[in-house]
Structures are given as structure tokens and as C-alpha cells.
Amino acid sequence: MLFKAFLIKYGEIGIKGKNRYLFEDALMDQIRYALRDTEADFEVTKEQGRIYVEMNGDYDYDEVVDALGRVFGIVGICPVIISEKCRWEDLCRITGDYMEENYPDLNLTFKVFCRRADKHIYKPSMEMAADMGEYLLDRFSQLSVDVHHPQVSLNIEVRERVYIYSIEIPGPGGMPIGTNGRATLLLSGGIDSPVAGYMIAKRGVKIDAVYFHAPPYTSERAKQKVVDLAAIVARYAGPIRLHVINFTDIQLAIYEKCPHDELTIIMRRYMMRIAQSIALEEKSMGLITGESIGQVASQTMQSLLVTNAVCSLPVYRPLIGFDKNDIVDISKEIGAFETSIEPYEDCCTIFVAKHPVTKPNEHHICRSEHHLADVIDQMVETAIKTQEIIDCG
């Protein structure tokens, strides 16, 4: 059966009270955005706390379900058949035909759930469910009822029209993009930062990104890898503006003028300063990083404390307590892993000390940074002024 509509179920939006409609409207906008590249002719509508995607003409079912499965805010995608107002006898026949077409074997257990928001069917909901179950048992001898653990949960909703469905495809959950502000992701070519961006976007946050490029020490292919990762995250998070910063001169200055065991920390601090400057310009409310406690030298508790000291904006670290395997699992789930492990190094891996400090002292780091005082401000200003902006998604 080629379904002509989908019932969209949402989770947290349902408890939003008087401003729930704002979240529903944002979710509808995201659905339209997600389906824009499909060949389907569709219409997104809202009715009494339900959102429907109705298809006009032929479409690719798998393509549409895949697109809806990347929309944050959706917890369930239910292919439905829709009937106009009808008599009870006609509803029974339509429901029986639905079961016969979708479950040809019919050697299964079922339970009927009915909800009646419109009274053109005169039976109360409980009576509807019991009578429909009786009709199906009479029509199909292979069926049996299991009210506790049915193999098929058959749902019938009587509204202005009648909706029948029994399949629920899980959605990603979360909140619709744009309902919880904007933040700026420090995006590298590794596994962690794309996952961090995905997870913050899942909470309804609009994402921008900053990538630090160091030619000729990092290749154009390394930059393209990050652009590809931004595009992967954008499939879930919506369009991402990627700010590409030429970081070569700053890295070389740090390498020449600062202790080598402090290179990584000082480099991270200047990255955070530059990212914050861009975030403020873009009216972001925070920075996002893919750091996890203890994963590398720059992610010890002491290192994170010293890195944070240069930021006035909050820094969101959704992976902070994750094991690497947990991060890899999510990376694979969202389709970023194979791109992340491509062998093109970013600037974070080029200038790495053999023995980096793991317990930096902020006073000592500031004293080392003082060696850059005569050049660094101009370098930072130039890096920001000469940034390249790439629209991804």
C-alpha cells in the first residue's frame, strides 16, 4: 500500500502550554525544509494537536520517511490512510481492507485503539474499539486479540476525517530547530565535534560553525572534509554557515614564541577567542565543542578550566561525560563516521607537542601568551577579516 499521508507525532512540544503553537509551527517549517529536496508534492497541515503530511500524487516512500526521520521534534512517523466522513459500516469495511492489504498473512494478534474527536460516528470510543475488534475477528479467522502485547496496534482517529494507522516509525525526538536560540560550533575534521553539533541542534538550537584552517600545513582536502561534515550535520540541523579561519600565522607565532608543551592549550585559547568574536557577531548565545573529559591533554579538567577562562559566552560540551565508543556510535548513526576518519589532518593535529602539559596553570599560560603581545592582536584581526564563509546544507 502506498500511503497518501503521514501522521507526525511529537513529544515535548505537547507539554508547552499556551505557546505550544509556536513549537508546532516551527516543527511544520522544519518538515517542509526536510522534504524540499524530495520529488514529492506535499502539504503540511495541523489539526487539533496533530500534524499531517499529505502527499499529492506518486512519491518515493523510503525517501520521504528518511527525510522525516531527520527532523528534530518528531518522535513518531505514522503512515495513515484517510477517509472522509462515513457511516460505521463503511468504516468497518475500510479498516478491514487496510488490515488485509498491510498484513496479508493475518496470522497475528491485534488490539484496536479508537479516539473520537468528532461525533459523526455515534459510538463512544471504547464501544468503537470493541465493535471494530469483533468485526475484524468475524472477517478474518486468523486474527486473535491480545490486549497486553499485541503484534499490531490498530489506531482509528475520528476527526473531521477518519485516520487509520498501525505503523509507527521512530523519529529522532528533540525540539524543532530554532526554538532554543543559536550557538556556534567549533568544527574540526574529527569524530567528536560533528556529534556535539548534532546533539545541541537536537535541543532546538540553530547552529553556525567555525573551522580553523592552516594552509599549507593542512590541505584543501582537509577543508573539504570539514565542509562535508558540516553538510552532514546540516541534514539534521538545517543550513549551517561555516566560517573558515586561516590560522597559519597564529599557529606559527605560538610555535615560535611559546613553550612547546603549552602549544595546544594556547592554540585552543586563541581558537576560543576567535570563535567567540564570530559568535557575538552572529548573535549566538554560546559556543559548542566536542570535548570529553580526559580524552586528550587539552581536555583534562585543568585544561578545560584554563581554556574556558578566555570566554565570556557559555561553552556547551554535550559529550563531556561520554566514552569514545559512545561518540563513535552516534557518529555512525548520523552518517558522519566514514567522513570523520578520512586521513586528512586538521590544524589541531599538525602542531602537537610530544609531551603536552596536562595540568596547565592559567598564570603560567598568560605569561607565555605575553610573548605574543606585539603581533597577536593584528593576526587575530586579520584572521577574522579574511575569513571565508561557506553555506552548507
Protein backbone atom coordinates (compact mmCIF):
# COMPACT_ATOMS: atom_id res chain seq x y z
CA MET A 1 0.00 0.00 0.00
CA LEU A 2 1.34 3.44 -0.94
CA PHE A 3 0.16 5.66 1.89
CA LYS A 4 -1.01 9.13 0.91
CA ALA A 5 -0.35 10.76 4.28
CA PHE A 6 1.74 10.60 7.44
CA LEU A 7 0.68 11.44 10.97
CA ILE A 8 3.55 13.18 12.75
CA LYS A 9 3.81 12.54 16.48
CA TYR A 10 5.78 14.89 18.71
CA GLY A 11 6.92 14.57 22.32
CA GLU A 12 7.98 17.50 24.50
CA ILE A 13 6.06 20.00 22.39
CA GLY A 14 2.87 18.56 23.82
CA ILE A 15 3.60 19.94 27.30
CA LYS A 16 4.42 23.50 26.21
CA GLY A 17 1.14 25.08 27.28
CA LYS A 18 -0.19 28.25 25.70
CA ASN A 19 2.82 28.75 23.41
CA ARG A 20 2.71 25.21 22.05
CA TYR A 21 1.55 26.51 18.69
CA LEU A 22 4.91 28.27 18.23
CA PHE A 23 6.73 24.95 18.54
CA GLU A 24 4.21 23.21 16.28
CA ASP A 25 4.66 25.88 13.63
CA ALA A 26 8.46 25.57 13.90
CA LEU A 27 8.17 21.81 13.51
CA MET A 28 5.99 22.24 10.42
CA ASP A 29 8.58 24.59 8.93
CA GLN A 30 11.33 22.03 9.55
CA ILE A 31 9.25 19.30 7.92
CA ARG A 32 8.80 21.47 4.82
CA TYR A 33 12.54 22.16 4.78
CA ALA A 34 13.42 18.46 5.14
CA LEU A 35 11.12 17.49 2.26
CA ARG A 36 12.21 20.29 -0.07
CA ASP A 37 14.72 18.12 -1.93
CA THR A 38 12.39 15.17 -2.43
CA GLU A 39 10.37 14.83 -5.59
CA ALA A 40 7.15 14.63 -3.60
CA ASP A 41 4.33 17.14 -3.91
CA PHE A 42 3.18 17.50 -0.31
CA GLU A 43 1.18 19.64 2.09
CA VAL A 44 1.82 20.01 5.83
CA THR A 45 -1.28 20.69 7.92
CA LYS A 46 -2.22 20.93 11.59
CA GLU A 47 -5.46 19.79 13.20
CA GLN A 48 -6.35 19.55 16.90
CA GLY A 49 -2.87 18.79 18.18
CA ARG A 50 -1.98 16.61 15.22
CA ILE A 51 0.38 17.37 12.33
CA TYR A 52 -0.13 15.65 8.99
CA VAL A 53 1.97 15.44 5.85
CA GLU A 54 -0.32 14.71 2.93
CA MET A 55 1.16 13.56 -0.37
CA ASN A 56 -0.28 14.57 -3.73
CA GLY A 57 0.38 12.03 -6.44
CA ASP A 58 3.20 9.48 -6.58
CA TYR A 59 6.28 9.77 -4.38
CA ASP A 60 9.23 7.75 -3.11
CA TYR A 61 8.08 6.34 0.25
CA ASP A 62 11.57 5.49 1.54
CA GLU A 63 12.92 8.92 0.55
CA VAL A 64 10.14 10.75 2.38
CA VAL A 65 10.42 8.60 5.52
CA ASP A 66 14.20 9.08 5.54
CA ALA A 67 13.78 12.87 5.29
CA LEU A 68 11.17 12.98 8.07
CA GLY A 69 13.43 10.78 10.21
CA ARG A 70 15.98 13.61 10.36
CA VAL A 71 13.56 16.26 11.68
CA PHE A 72 14.17 17.10 15.33
CA GLY A 73 10.91 17.28 17.27
CA ILE A 74 9.38 14.21 15.62
CA VAL A 75 9.08 11.13 17.85
CA GLY A 76 6.92 9.03 15.54
CA ILE A 77 6.10 8.86 11.81
CA CYS A 78 2.84 7.03 11.18
CA PRO A 79 1.78 6.21 7.61
CA VAL A 80 -2.01 6.67 7.57
CA ILE A 81 -4.95 6.20 5.29
CA ILE A 82 -7.56 8.95 5.37
CA SER A 83 -11.27 8.57 4.82
CA GLU A 84 -13.87 11.30 4.58
CA LYS A 85 -16.81 11.18 7.00
CA CYS A 86 -18.60 7.88 6.61
CA ARG A 87 -21.07 5.51 8.21
CA TRP A 88 -19.93 2.93 10.73
CA GLU A 89 -20.43 0.09 8.27
CA ASP A 90 -18.21 1.84 5.72
CA LEU A 91 -15.52 2.46 8.36
CA CYS A 92 -15.50 -1.23 9.23
CA ARG A 93 -15.05 -2.20 5.59
CA ILE A 94 -12.25 0.37 5.05
CA THR A 95 -10.46 -0.81 8.20
CA GLY A 96 -10.77 -4.45 7.16
CA ASP A 97 -9.36 -3.65 3.72
CA TYR A 98 -6.48 -1.79 5.41
CA MET A 99 -5.62 -4.84 7.53
CA GLU A 100 -5.87 -7.21 4.58
CA GLU A 101 -3.58 -5.12 2.39
CA ASN A 102 -0.91 -4.38 5.02
CA TYR A 103 -0.88 -7.78 6.75
CA PRO A 104 -1.57 -10.39 4.03
CA ASP A 105 -0.79 -13.31 6.36
CA LEU A 106 -3.14 -12.05 9.12
CA ASN A 107 -1.91 -14.79 11.45
CA LEU A 108 -1.22 -12.33 14.24
CA THR A 109 -2.53 -10.69 17.40
CA PHE A 110 -4.02 -7.20 17.46
CA LYS A 111 -5.68 -4.58 19.60
CA VAL A 112 -7.85 -1.67 18.45
CA PHE A 113 -7.43 1.85 19.84
CA CYS A 114 -10.09 4.45 18.99
CA ARG A 115 -10.22 8.17 19.58
CA ARG A 116 -13.32 10.15 18.69
CA ALA A 117 -12.90 13.93 18.47
CA ASP A 118 -15.81 14.30 16.04
CA LYS A 119 -19.24 12.82 16.77
CA HIS A 120 -20.32 11.86 13.26
CA ILE A 121 -19.68 8.28 14.38
CA TYR A 122 -22.26 7.82 17.10
CA LYS A 123 -20.43 5.13 19.11
CA PRO A 124 -18.26 6.13 22.10
CA SER A 125 -14.54 5.35 21.73
CA MET A 126 -14.49 2.21 23.88
CA GLU A 127 -17.53 0.80 22.12
CA MET A 128 -15.99 1.60 18.73
CA ALA A 129 -12.84 -0.32 19.65
CA ALA A 130 -14.77 -3.36 20.88
CA ASP A 131 -17.12 -3.44 17.89
CA MET A 132 -14.28 -2.97 15.39
CA GLY A 133 -12.37 -5.81 17.03
CA GLU A 134 -15.44 -8.02 16.75
CA TYR A 135 -15.88 -7.11 13.08
CA LEU A 136 -12.24 -7.95 12.27
CA LEU A 137 -12.40 -11.27 14.13
CA ASP A 138 -15.52 -12.22 12.17
CA ARG A 139 -13.96 -11.21 8.85
CA PHE A 140 -10.51 -12.76 9.41
CA SER A 141 -10.45 -16.05 11.30
CA GLN A 142 -6.64 -16.00 11.56
CA LEU A 143 -6.65 -12.93 13.80
CA SER A 144 -6.67 -13.08 17.58
CA VAL A 145 -6.86 -10.40 20.25
CA ASP A 146 -4.05 -9.64 22.69
CA VAL A 147 -4.80 -6.56 24.80
CA HIS A 148 -1.43 -6.62 26.61
CA HIS A 149 1.22 -7.31 23.95
CA PRO A 150 -0.42 -7.13 20.51
CA GLN A 151 1.66 -7.57 17.39
CA VAL A 152 -0.44 -4.91 15.68
CA SER A 153 -1.83 -1.84 17.44
CA LEU A 154 -4.59 -0.60 15.13
CA ASN A 155 -5.40 3.08 15.67
CA ILE A 156 -8.58 4.77 14.43
CA GLU A 157 -8.99 8.52 14.96
CA VAL A 158 -12.31 10.10 14.09
CA ARG A 159 -11.91 13.82 13.47
CA GLU A 160 -13.14 15.97 10.60
CA ARG A 161 -11.90 13.00 8.63
CA VAL A 162 -11.05 9.47 9.75
CA TYR A 163 -7.43 8.40 10.12
CA ILE A 164 -6.36 4.75 10.28
CA TYR A 165 -2.81 3.60 11.06
CA SER A 166 -0.90 0.79 12.75
CA ILE A 167 2.74 1.51 11.92
CA GLU A 168 4.91 3.94 13.88
CA ILE A 169 8.44 4.63 12.64
CA PRO A 170 10.64 6.20 15.36
CA GLY A 171 11.78 9.79 14.83
CA PRO A 172 14.86 11.46 16.33
CA GLY A 173 12.98 13.28 19.13
CA GLY A 174 14.31 16.56 20.50
CA MET A 175 12.98 20.03 19.73
CA PRO A 176 12.44 21.84 16.40
CA ILE A 177 15.45 23.81 15.15
CA GLY A 178 15.33 27.50 16.03
CA THR A 179 13.13 27.21 19.11
CA ASN A 180 16.05 27.49 21.55
CA GLY A 181 18.34 30.16 20.12
CA ARG A 182 21.63 29.99 18.24
CA ALA A 183 25.11 28.70 19.09
CA THR A 184 28.47 28.44 17.30
CA LEU A 185 30.21 25.09 16.88
CA LEU A 186 34.00 24.74 16.75
CA LEU A 187 34.07 22.16 13.97
CA SER A 188 37.16 20.12 13.20
CA GLY A 189 37.67 17.16 10.91
CA GLY A 190 37.42 14.64 13.75
CA ILE A 191 34.69 12.41 15.11
CA ASP A 192 33.65 14.42 18.16
CA SER A 193 32.67 17.92 17.04
CA PRO A 194 30.07 16.91 14.41
CA VAL A 195 28.38 14.75 17.06
CA ALA A 196 28.44 17.65 19.52
CA GLY A 197 26.79 19.91 16.94
CA TYR A 198 24.15 17.27 16.23
CA MET A 199 23.33 16.86 19.92
CA ILE A 200 22.96 20.59 20.63
CA ALA A 201 20.90 21.06 17.46
CA LYS A 202 18.63 18.27 18.69
CA ARG A 203 17.61 20.56 21.54
CA GLY A 204 16.27 23.10 19.07
CA VAL A 205 19.41 25.24 18.74
CA LYS A 206 20.31 26.81 15.40
CA ILE A 207 23.95 26.05 14.55
CA ASP A 208 26.75 28.08 12.96
CA ALA A 209 30.26 26.65 12.73
CA VAL A 210 33.89 27.80 12.77
CA TYR A 211 36.74 25.81 11.23
CA PHE A 212 40.43 26.68 11.69
CA HIS A 213 42.43 26.01 8.54
CA ALA A 214 46.24 26.12 8.37
CA PRO A 215 47.49 26.08 4.77
CA PRO A 216 49.89 24.81 3.54
CA TYR A 217 50.20 22.54 6.59
CA THR A 218 46.60 21.41 6.09
CA SER A 219 45.37 20.61 2.61
CA GLU A 220 42.33 21.78 0.67
CA ARG A 221 41.08 18.23 1.01
CA ALA A 222 41.14 18.65 4.80
CA LYS A 223 38.98 21.75 4.42
CA GLN A 224 36.61 19.93 2.07
CA LYS A 225 36.31 17.16 4.64
CA VAL A 226 35.04 19.70 7.19
CA VAL A 227 32.64 21.18 4.64
CA ASP A 228 31.33 17.65 4.04
CA LEU A 229 30.89 17.12 7.78
CA ALA A 230 29.02 20.42 8.11
CA ALA A 231 26.71 19.30 5.31
CA ILE A 232 26.05 16.01 7.12
CA VAL A 233 25.14 17.81 10.35
CA ALA A 234 23.02 20.24 8.31
CA ARG A 235 20.83 17.36 7.16
CA TYR A 236 19.51 17.36 10.75
CA ALA A 237 20.29 20.90 11.93
CA GLY A 238 19.23 22.88 8.88
CA PRO A 239 21.54 25.22 6.90
CA ILE A 240 24.91 25.91 8.57
CA ARG A 241 27.14 28.92 7.89
CA LEU A 242 30.70 27.64 8.09
CA HIS A 243 33.30 30.31 8.92
CA VAL A 244 36.73 29.19 7.70
CA ILE A 245 39.56 30.95 9.56
CA ASN A 246 43.13 30.97 8.24
CA PHE A 247 45.01 30.07 11.41
CA THR A 248 48.50 29.50 9.97
CA ASP A 249 50.21 32.73 11.08
CA ILE A 250 48.78 32.48 14.59
CA GLN A 251 49.91 28.88 14.95
CA LEU A 252 53.41 29.67 13.71
CA ALA A 253 53.68 32.61 16.11
CA ILE A 254 52.63 30.40 19.03
CA TYR A 255 55.09 27.73 17.92
CA GLU A 256 57.96 30.23 17.71
CA LYS A 257 57.32 32.28 20.84
CA CYS A 258 55.69 29.96 23.41
CA PRO A 259 56.84 26.85 25.29
CA HIS A 260 56.15 23.79 23.20
CA ASP A 261 54.46 21.84 25.99
CA GLU A 262 51.85 24.67 26.14
CA LEU A 263 51.20 24.88 22.38
CA THR A 264 47.90 23.02 22.41
CA ILE A 265 46.40 24.98 25.31
CA ILE A 266 47.44 28.37 23.93
CA MET A 267 46.24 27.43 20.46
CA ARG A 268 42.86 26.35 21.90
CA ARG A 269 42.55 29.61 23.83
CA TYR A 270 43.02 31.67 20.66
CA MET A 271 40.57 29.48 18.81
CA MET A 272 38.01 30.13 21.53
CA ARG A 273 38.67 33.87 21.41
CA ILE A 274 38.18 33.99 17.65
CA ALA A 275 35.13 31.71 17.75
CA GLN A 276 33.58 33.89 20.42
CA SER A 277 34.18 37.03 18.35
CA ILE A 278 32.36 35.42 15.42
CA ALA A 279 29.61 34.10 17.68
CA LEU A 280 28.92 37.55 19.08
CA GLU A 281 28.79 38.97 15.56
CA GLU A 282 26.26 36.26 14.62
CA LYS A 283 24.25 36.85 17.84
CA SER A 284 24.97 33.35 19.10
CA MET A 285 24.31 32.60 22.74
CA GLY A 286 27.20 30.21 23.28
CA LEU A 287 29.99 28.07 21.87
CA ILE A 288 29.85 24.31 21.26
CA THR A 289 32.84 21.97 21.42
CA GLY A 290 33.26 18.20 21.17
CA GLU A 291 35.44 17.90 24.26
CA SER A 292 35.21 14.92 26.61
CA ILE A 293 36.94 14.87 29.99
CA GLY A 294 40.36 13.27 29.83
CA GLN A 295 40.22 12.21 26.19
CA VAL A 296 43.40 14.15 25.28
CA ALA A 297 45.78 16.51 27.06
CA SER A 298 43.74 19.61 26.18
CA GLN A 299 40.63 18.04 27.70
CA THR A 300 41.70 17.41 31.27
CA MET A 301 39.73 19.28 33.93
CA GLN A 302 42.63 21.70 34.42
CA SER A 303 42.98 22.29 30.67
CA LEU A 304 39.26 22.95 30.25
CA LEU A 305 39.36 25.42 33.13
CA VAL A 306 42.21 27.36 31.53
CA THR A 307 40.57 27.26 28.10
CA ASN A 308 37.25 28.49 29.48
CA ALA A 309 38.92 31.45 31.13
CA VAL A 310 39.10 33.38 27.84
CA CYS A 311 35.33 33.08 27.17
CA SER A 312 32.52 35.27 28.39
CA LEU A 313 29.92 33.23 26.49
CA PRO A 314 28.90 29.85 27.91
CA VAL A 315 30.63 26.83 26.36
CA TYR A 316 28.36 23.84 25.75
CA ARG A 317 30.08 20.43 25.80
CA PRO A 318 27.40 17.78 25.22
CA LEU A 319 29.98 14.96 25.04
CA ILE A 320 31.72 15.88 28.29
CA GLY A 321 30.96 12.57 30.05
CA PHE A 322 30.91 10.27 27.01
CA ASP A 323 33.29 7.42 26.30
CA LYS A 324 34.81 7.38 22.83
CA ASN A 325 32.76 4.33 21.88
CA ASP A 326 29.56 6.21 22.75
CA ILE A 327 30.61 9.07 20.48
CA VAL A 328 31.56 6.73 17.65
CA ASP A 329 28.15 5.03 17.86
CA ILE A 330 26.33 8.35 17.42
CA SER A 331 28.73 9.39 14.64
CA LYS A 332 27.86 6.20 12.75
CA GLU A 333 24.15 6.67 13.42
CA ILE A 334 24.10 10.14 11.85
CA GLY A 335 26.29 9.12 8.91
CA ALA A 336 29.36 11.19 9.83
CA PHE A 337 31.84 8.49 10.88
CA GLU A 338 33.19 7.45 7.49
CA THR A 339 33.88 11.09 6.60
CA SER A 340 35.42 11.85 10.01
CA ILE A 341 38.01 9.08 9.68
CA GLU A 342 39.23 10.16 6.25
CA PRO A 343 43.05 10.63 6.53
CA TYR A 344 43.22 14.40 6.13
CA GLU A 345 44.68 16.15 9.17
CA ASP A 346 43.38 19.42 10.56
CA CYS A 347 45.40 22.13 12.27
CA CYS A 348 44.86 20.62 15.71
CA THR A 349 46.96 17.59 14.79
CA ILE A 350 49.79 19.32 12.89
CA PHE A 351 51.46 21.33 15.68
CA VAL A 352 51.21 18.88 18.56
CA ALA A 353 53.88 18.75 21.26
CA LYS A 354 55.42 15.40 22.10
CA HIS A 355 54.77 15.96 25.79
CA PRO A 356 51.89 18.48 26.18
CA VAL A 357 51.12 19.87 29.59
CA THR A 358 48.08 18.15 31.13
CA LYS A 359 47.69 20.33 34.22
CA PRO A 360 48.23 23.88 32.95
CA ASN A 361 48.33 26.82 35.31
CA GLU A 362 46.46 29.86 34.00
CA HIS A 363 49.04 32.29 35.38
CA HIS A 364 51.84 30.48 33.55
CA ILE A 365 49.82 30.30 30.33
CA CYS A 366 49.07 34.04 30.45
CA ARG A 367 52.75 34.75 30.98
CA SER A 368 53.60 32.65 27.91
CA GLU A 369 50.93 34.42 25.87
CA HIS A 370 52.55 37.74 26.78
CA HIS A 371 55.37 36.78 24.38
CA LEU A 372 52.83 37.19 21.57
CA ALA A 373 51.72 40.67 22.62
CA ASP A 374 53.47 42.55 19.83
CA VAL A 375 51.88 40.54 16.98
CA ILE A 376 48.85 38.57 18.10
CA ASP A 377 46.13 41.24 18.08
CA GLN A 378 46.83 42.13 14.47
CA MET A 379 46.98 38.46 13.49
CA VAL A 380 43.62 37.75 15.13
CA GLU A 381 42.04 40.78 13.47
CA THR A 382 43.40 39.73 10.07
CA ALA A 383 42.20 36.15 10.53
CA ILE A 384 38.67 37.34 11.29
CA LYS A 385 38.62 39.91 8.46
CA THR A 386 39.84 37.38 5.87
CA GLN A 387 37.52 34.54 6.90
CA GLU A 388 35.76 32.57 4.19
CA ILE A 389 32.06 31.83 4.70
CA ILE A 390 30.60 28.67 3.17
CA ASP A 391 26.88 27.90 3.30
CA CYS A 392 26.41 24.19 3.99
CA GLY A 393 23.12 22.33 3.66
